[in-house]
N, C-alpha and C. Protein backbone atom coordinates (compact mmCIF):
# COMPACT_ATOMS: atom_id res chain seq x y z
N UNK A 1 -122.74 52.25 307.91
CA UNK A 1 -123.53 52.60 307.71
C UNK A 1 -124.46 52.80 307.36
N UNK A 2 -126.51 52.02 306.92
CA UNK A 2 -126.68 52.47 306.56
C UNK A 2 -126.83 54.02 305.98
N UNK A 3 -126.92 54.69 304.81
CA UNK A 3 -127.46 55.72 304.36
C UNK A 3 -128.65 55.81 304.02
N UNK A 4 -129.92 56.99 304.66
CA UNK A 4 -130.94 57.42 304.48
C UNK A 4 -131.07 58.72 303.88
N UNK A 5 -132.73 58.53 302.92
CA UNK A 5 -132.64 60.45 302.45
C UNK A 5 -133.70 60.37 302.69
N UNK A 6 -134.25 61.76 302.81
CA UNK A 6 -136.16 61.84 303.28
C UNK A 6 -136.14 63.17 302.59
N UNK A 7 -137.38 63.43 302.43
CA UNK A 7 -137.81 64.04 301.31
C UNK A 7 -139.44 65.37 302.41
N UNK A 8 -139.29 66.25 302.16
CA UNK A 8 -140.02 67.82 302.58
C UNK A 8 -140.68 68.28 301.76
N UNK A 9 -142.31 68.57 301.59
CA UNK A 9 -142.43 68.37 299.65
C UNK A 9 -142.62 70.49 301.23
N UNK A 10 -142.93 70.86 302.11
CA UNK A 10 -142.69 71.66 302.22
C UNK A 10 -141.73 72.00 303.63
N UNK A 11 -140.20 72.98 304.17
CA UNK A 11 -139.98 72.84 305.01
C UNK A 11 -140.01 74.01 305.81
N UNK A 12 -139.99 73.71 307.15
CA UNK A 12 -140.65 74.70 308.33
C UNK A 12 -140.13 75.67 308.13
N UNK A 13 -140.35 77.23 308.74
CA UNK A 13 -139.23 78.46 308.61
C UNK A 13 -138.55 78.09 309.29
N UNK A 14 -137.11 78.09 309.26
CA UNK A 14 -135.98 77.72 310.45
C UNK A 14 -135.14 79.10 310.26
N UNK A 15 -135.02 79.34 311.64
CA UNK A 15 -134.58 80.07 312.42
C UNK A 15 -132.96 80.15 311.88
N UNK A 16 -131.90 81.42 311.19
CA UNK A 16 -131.04 80.93 311.49
C UNK A 16 -129.82 80.88 312.40
N UNK A 17 -129.70 80.78 313.27
CA UNK A 17 -128.75 79.40 314.00
C UNK A 17 -129.19 78.89 313.99
N UNK A 18 -130.47 77.79 313.71
CA UNK A 18 -130.98 76.07 313.76
C UNK A 18 -129.95 75.86 312.44
N UNK A 19 -130.01 76.85 311.29
CA UNK A 19 -129.44 76.10 310.11
C UNK A 19 -128.11 76.48 310.35
N UNK A 20 -127.64 77.34 310.56
CA UNK A 20 -126.68 77.34 311.16
C UNK A 20 -125.53 76.06 311.98
N UNK A 21 -126.43 75.72 313.32
CA UNK A 21 -125.98 74.72 313.87
C UNK A 21 -125.80 73.26 312.80
N UNK A 22 -126.81 73.57 311.72
CA UNK A 22 -126.81 71.89 311.44
C UNK A 22 -126.07 71.88 310.29
N UNK A 23 -125.79 73.58 309.48
CA UNK A 23 -123.95 72.88 308.47
C UNK A 23 -123.05 73.10 309.84
N UNK A 24 -123.55 73.03 310.87
CA UNK A 24 -121.75 73.37 311.62
C UNK A 24 -122.06 71.54 312.31
N UNK A 25 -122.92 71.16 312.37
CA UNK A 25 -123.56 69.47 312.79
C UNK A 25 -122.58 68.57 311.40
N UNK A 26 -123.22 69.08 309.90
CA UNK A 26 -122.61 69.13 308.78
C UNK A 26 -121.75 67.97 308.63
N UNK A 27 -120.47 69.93 308.82
CA UNK A 27 -119.32 69.71 308.12
C UNK A 27 -118.85 68.69 309.83
N UNK A 28 -118.88 68.85 310.52
CA UNK A 28 -118.38 67.57 311.27
C UNK A 28 -117.74 66.28 311.63
N UNK A 29 -118.91 66.27 310.35
CA UNK A 29 -119.36 64.61 310.61
C UNK A 29 -119.69 63.77 311.76
N UNK A 30 -119.96 64.35 313.11
CA UNK A 30 -120.22 63.75 314.28
C UNK A 30 -121.92 63.14 313.97
N UNK A 31 -121.59 62.20 314.89
CA UNK A 31 -123.37 61.46 314.93
C UNK A 31 -123.86 62.62 316.12
N UNK A 32 -125.18 62.75 315.98
CA UNK A 32 -125.41 63.32 316.92
C UNK A 32 -126.44 62.21 318.14
N UNK A 33 -126.91 62.41 318.88
CA UNK A 33 -127.97 61.67 320.31
C UNK A 33 -128.58 59.54 320.10
N UNK A 34 -128.80 60.33 318.67
CA UNK A 34 -130.10 59.62 317.98
C UNK A 34 -128.61 58.91 317.25
N UNK A 35 -127.66 58.69 317.80
CA UNK A 35 -126.64 58.02 315.97
C UNK A 35 -126.60 58.56 314.47
N UNK A 36 -128.01 59.43 314.05
CA UNK A 36 -127.39 59.74 312.67
C UNK A 36 -126.17 61.21 312.82
N UNK A 37 -125.83 60.64 311.57
CA UNK A 37 -124.66 61.74 310.67
C UNK A 37 -125.72 62.60 310.07
N UNK A 38 -124.87 63.84 309.69
CA UNK A 38 -126.00 64.20 308.22
C UNK A 38 -124.23 64.23 306.93
N UNK A 39 -125.30 64.18 305.95
CA UNK A 39 -124.32 63.88 305.23
C UNK A 39 -124.15 65.73 304.12
N UNK A 40 -125.59 65.33 303.74
CA UNK A 40 -125.89 66.69 303.49
C UNK A 40 -127.46 67.74 302.97
N UNK A 41 -127.87 68.49 302.95
CA UNK A 41 -128.90 69.07 302.62
C UNK A 41 -129.09 69.87 301.17
N UNK A 42 -130.55 69.26 300.94
CA UNK A 42 -130.80 69.58 299.61
C UNK A 42 -132.36 70.56 300.01
N UNK A 43 -132.19 71.70 299.04
CA UNK A 43 -133.16 72.47 299.51
C UNK A 43 -133.88 73.22 297.62
N UNK A 44 -135.01 72.79 297.76
CA UNK A 44 -135.80 73.25 296.59
C UNK A 44 -135.81 74.89 296.65
N UNK A 45 -136.19 75.67 295.19
CA UNK A 45 -136.26 77.05 295.14
C UNK A 45 -138.15 76.67 295.53
N UNK A 46 -138.91 75.46 295.76
CA UNK A 46 -139.60 75.38 296.30
C UNK A 46 -140.72 75.75 298.00
N UNK A 47 -139.11 76.09 298.22
CA UNK A 47 -139.56 75.59 299.67
C UNK A 47 -139.43 73.77 299.95
N UNK A 48 -139.22 73.08 299.52
CA UNK A 48 -139.06 71.26 299.81
C UNK A 48 -137.63 71.33 299.98
N UNK A 49 -137.41 70.29 301.11
CA UNK A 49 -136.10 69.78 301.23
C UNK A 49 -136.22 68.53 300.89
N UNK A 50 -134.27 67.48 300.97
CA UNK A 50 -134.43 65.78 300.94
C UNK A 50 -132.88 66.39 302.12
N UNK A 51 -132.95 65.73 302.80
CA UNK A 51 -131.84 64.84 304.27
C UNK A 51 -131.26 63.67 303.25
N UNK A 52 -130.35 63.71 303.81
CA UNK A 52 -128.96 62.68 303.11
C UNK A 52 -128.29 62.56 303.89
N UNK A 53 -128.55 61.58 304.79
CA UNK A 53 -127.57 61.08 306.39
C UNK A 53 -127.50 59.27 306.37
N UNK A 54 -127.11 59.43 307.76
CA UNK A 54 -126.25 58.00 307.70
C UNK A 54 -126.27 57.79 309.21
N UNK A 55 -127.13 56.37 308.77
CA UNK A 55 -128.33 56.52 310.47
C UNK A 55 -128.20 54.75 310.48
N UNK A 56 -128.31 54.04 311.83
CA UNK A 56 -128.82 53.43 312.41
C UNK A 56 -129.93 52.45 311.83
N UNK A 57 -130.72 53.39 311.09
CA UNK A 57 -132.08 52.82 311.12
C UNK A 57 -132.76 54.41 311.72
N UNK A 58 -134.28 53.63 310.34
CA UNK A 58 -134.95 54.90 309.96
C UNK A 58 -135.93 55.62 311.61
N UNK A 59 -136.25 54.70 312.66
CA UNK A 59 -136.72 55.83 313.87
C UNK A 59 -135.33 56.75 314.17
N UNK A 60 -134.95 56.31 314.21
CA UNK A 60 -133.59 56.81 314.62
C UNK A 60 -133.30 59.41 313.82
N UNK A 61 -133.52 58.22 312.42
CA UNK A 61 -133.58 60.18 311.19
C UNK A 61 -135.15 60.34 311.72
N UNK A 62 -136.15 59.79 311.58
CA UNK A 62 -137.78 60.14 312.79
C UNK A 62 -137.51 60.53 314.04
N UNK A 63 -136.47 59.76 314.40
CA UNK A 63 -136.17 61.03 315.92
C UNK A 63 -135.44 62.35 315.85
N UNK A 64 -134.95 62.08 315.14
CA UNK A 64 -133.98 63.57 314.81
C UNK A 64 -134.35 64.63 314.18
N UNK A 65 -135.27 63.97 313.41
CA UNK A 65 -136.39 65.65 313.08
C UNK A 65 -137.25 65.77 313.84
N UNK A 66 -138.00 65.17 314.37
CA UNK A 66 -139.18 65.59 315.76
C UNK A 66 -137.56 65.99 317.01
N UNK A 67 -137.07 66.18 316.84
CA UNK A 67 -135.82 66.75 318.34
C UNK A 67 -136.12 68.15 317.25
N UNK A 68 -136.21 68.59 316.17
CA UNK A 68 -135.95 69.84 315.42
C UNK A 68 -137.01 70.19 315.19
N UNK A 69 -138.24 69.31 315.76
CA UNK A 69 -139.83 70.38 315.51
C UNK A 69 -140.31 69.97 314.33
N UNK A 70 -139.86 69.20 313.43
CA UNK A 70 -139.73 68.15 311.93
C UNK A 70 -141.13 67.04 312.45
N UNK A 71 -141.88 67.31 312.05
CA UNK A 71 -143.61 65.80 311.35
C UNK A 71 -142.40 65.07 310.85
N UNK A 72 -142.30 63.52 310.81
CA UNK A 72 -142.53 62.72 309.89
C UNK A 72 -142.87 61.04 310.72
N UNK A 73 -142.93 60.67 309.27
CA UNK A 73 -143.01 59.10 309.14
C UNK A 73 -141.97 58.11 308.71
N UNK A 74 -142.06 57.54 309.28
CA UNK A 74 -140.93 56.36 308.53
C UNK A 74 -141.53 56.23 306.73
N UNK A 75 -142.46 56.55 306.21
CA UNK A 75 -142.75 56.58 304.92
C UNK A 75 -142.08 57.65 303.95
N UNK A 76 -141.36 58.17 304.94
CA UNK A 76 -141.35 60.04 304.21
C UNK A 76 -139.20 59.40 304.24
N UNK A 77 -138.88 57.84 304.07
CA UNK A 77 -137.71 57.93 304.45
C UNK A 77 -137.08 56.21 303.49
N UNK A 78 -136.30 56.59 302.93
CA UNK A 78 -136.15 55.33 302.02
C UNK A 78 -134.44 55.37 301.93
N UNK A 79 -134.03 54.15 302.74
CA UNK A 79 -132.50 53.96 302.35
C UNK A 79 -132.18 53.68 300.72
N UNK A 80 -130.86 54.40 300.64
CA UNK A 80 -129.98 54.99 299.43
C UNK A 80 -129.12 53.89 300.05
N UNK A 81 -128.19 54.03 298.45
CA UNK A 81 -127.14 53.54 298.28
C UNK A 81 -125.97 54.59 297.33
N UNK A 82 -125.01 54.98 297.67
CA UNK A 82 -124.58 55.80 296.34
C UNK A 82 -123.55 54.79 295.38
N UNK A 83 -123.72 55.29 294.54
CA UNK A 83 -123.20 54.69 293.12
C UNK A 83 -121.85 55.40 292.98
N UNK A 84 -120.99 55.99 293.55
CA UNK A 84 -119.95 56.62 293.03
C UNK A 84 -118.74 57.07 295.18
């Protein structure tokens, strides 16, 4: 399945229970209702963030973020490959 990374210049404040659920979903390794499986979340000290996931396509990534109240477009998402 393709891997995608997306960038957020400023992430919205996230309640602790939402952050805990995201971490739990990532550890479980199960895809969500859109077929997106989170791999890692990287948070910048400046409030920015990157999300790395496996997904059937960029639209699924957009839908996953929308379900969490995070608006984004397909232009915020890049398909990536790993070197290792």
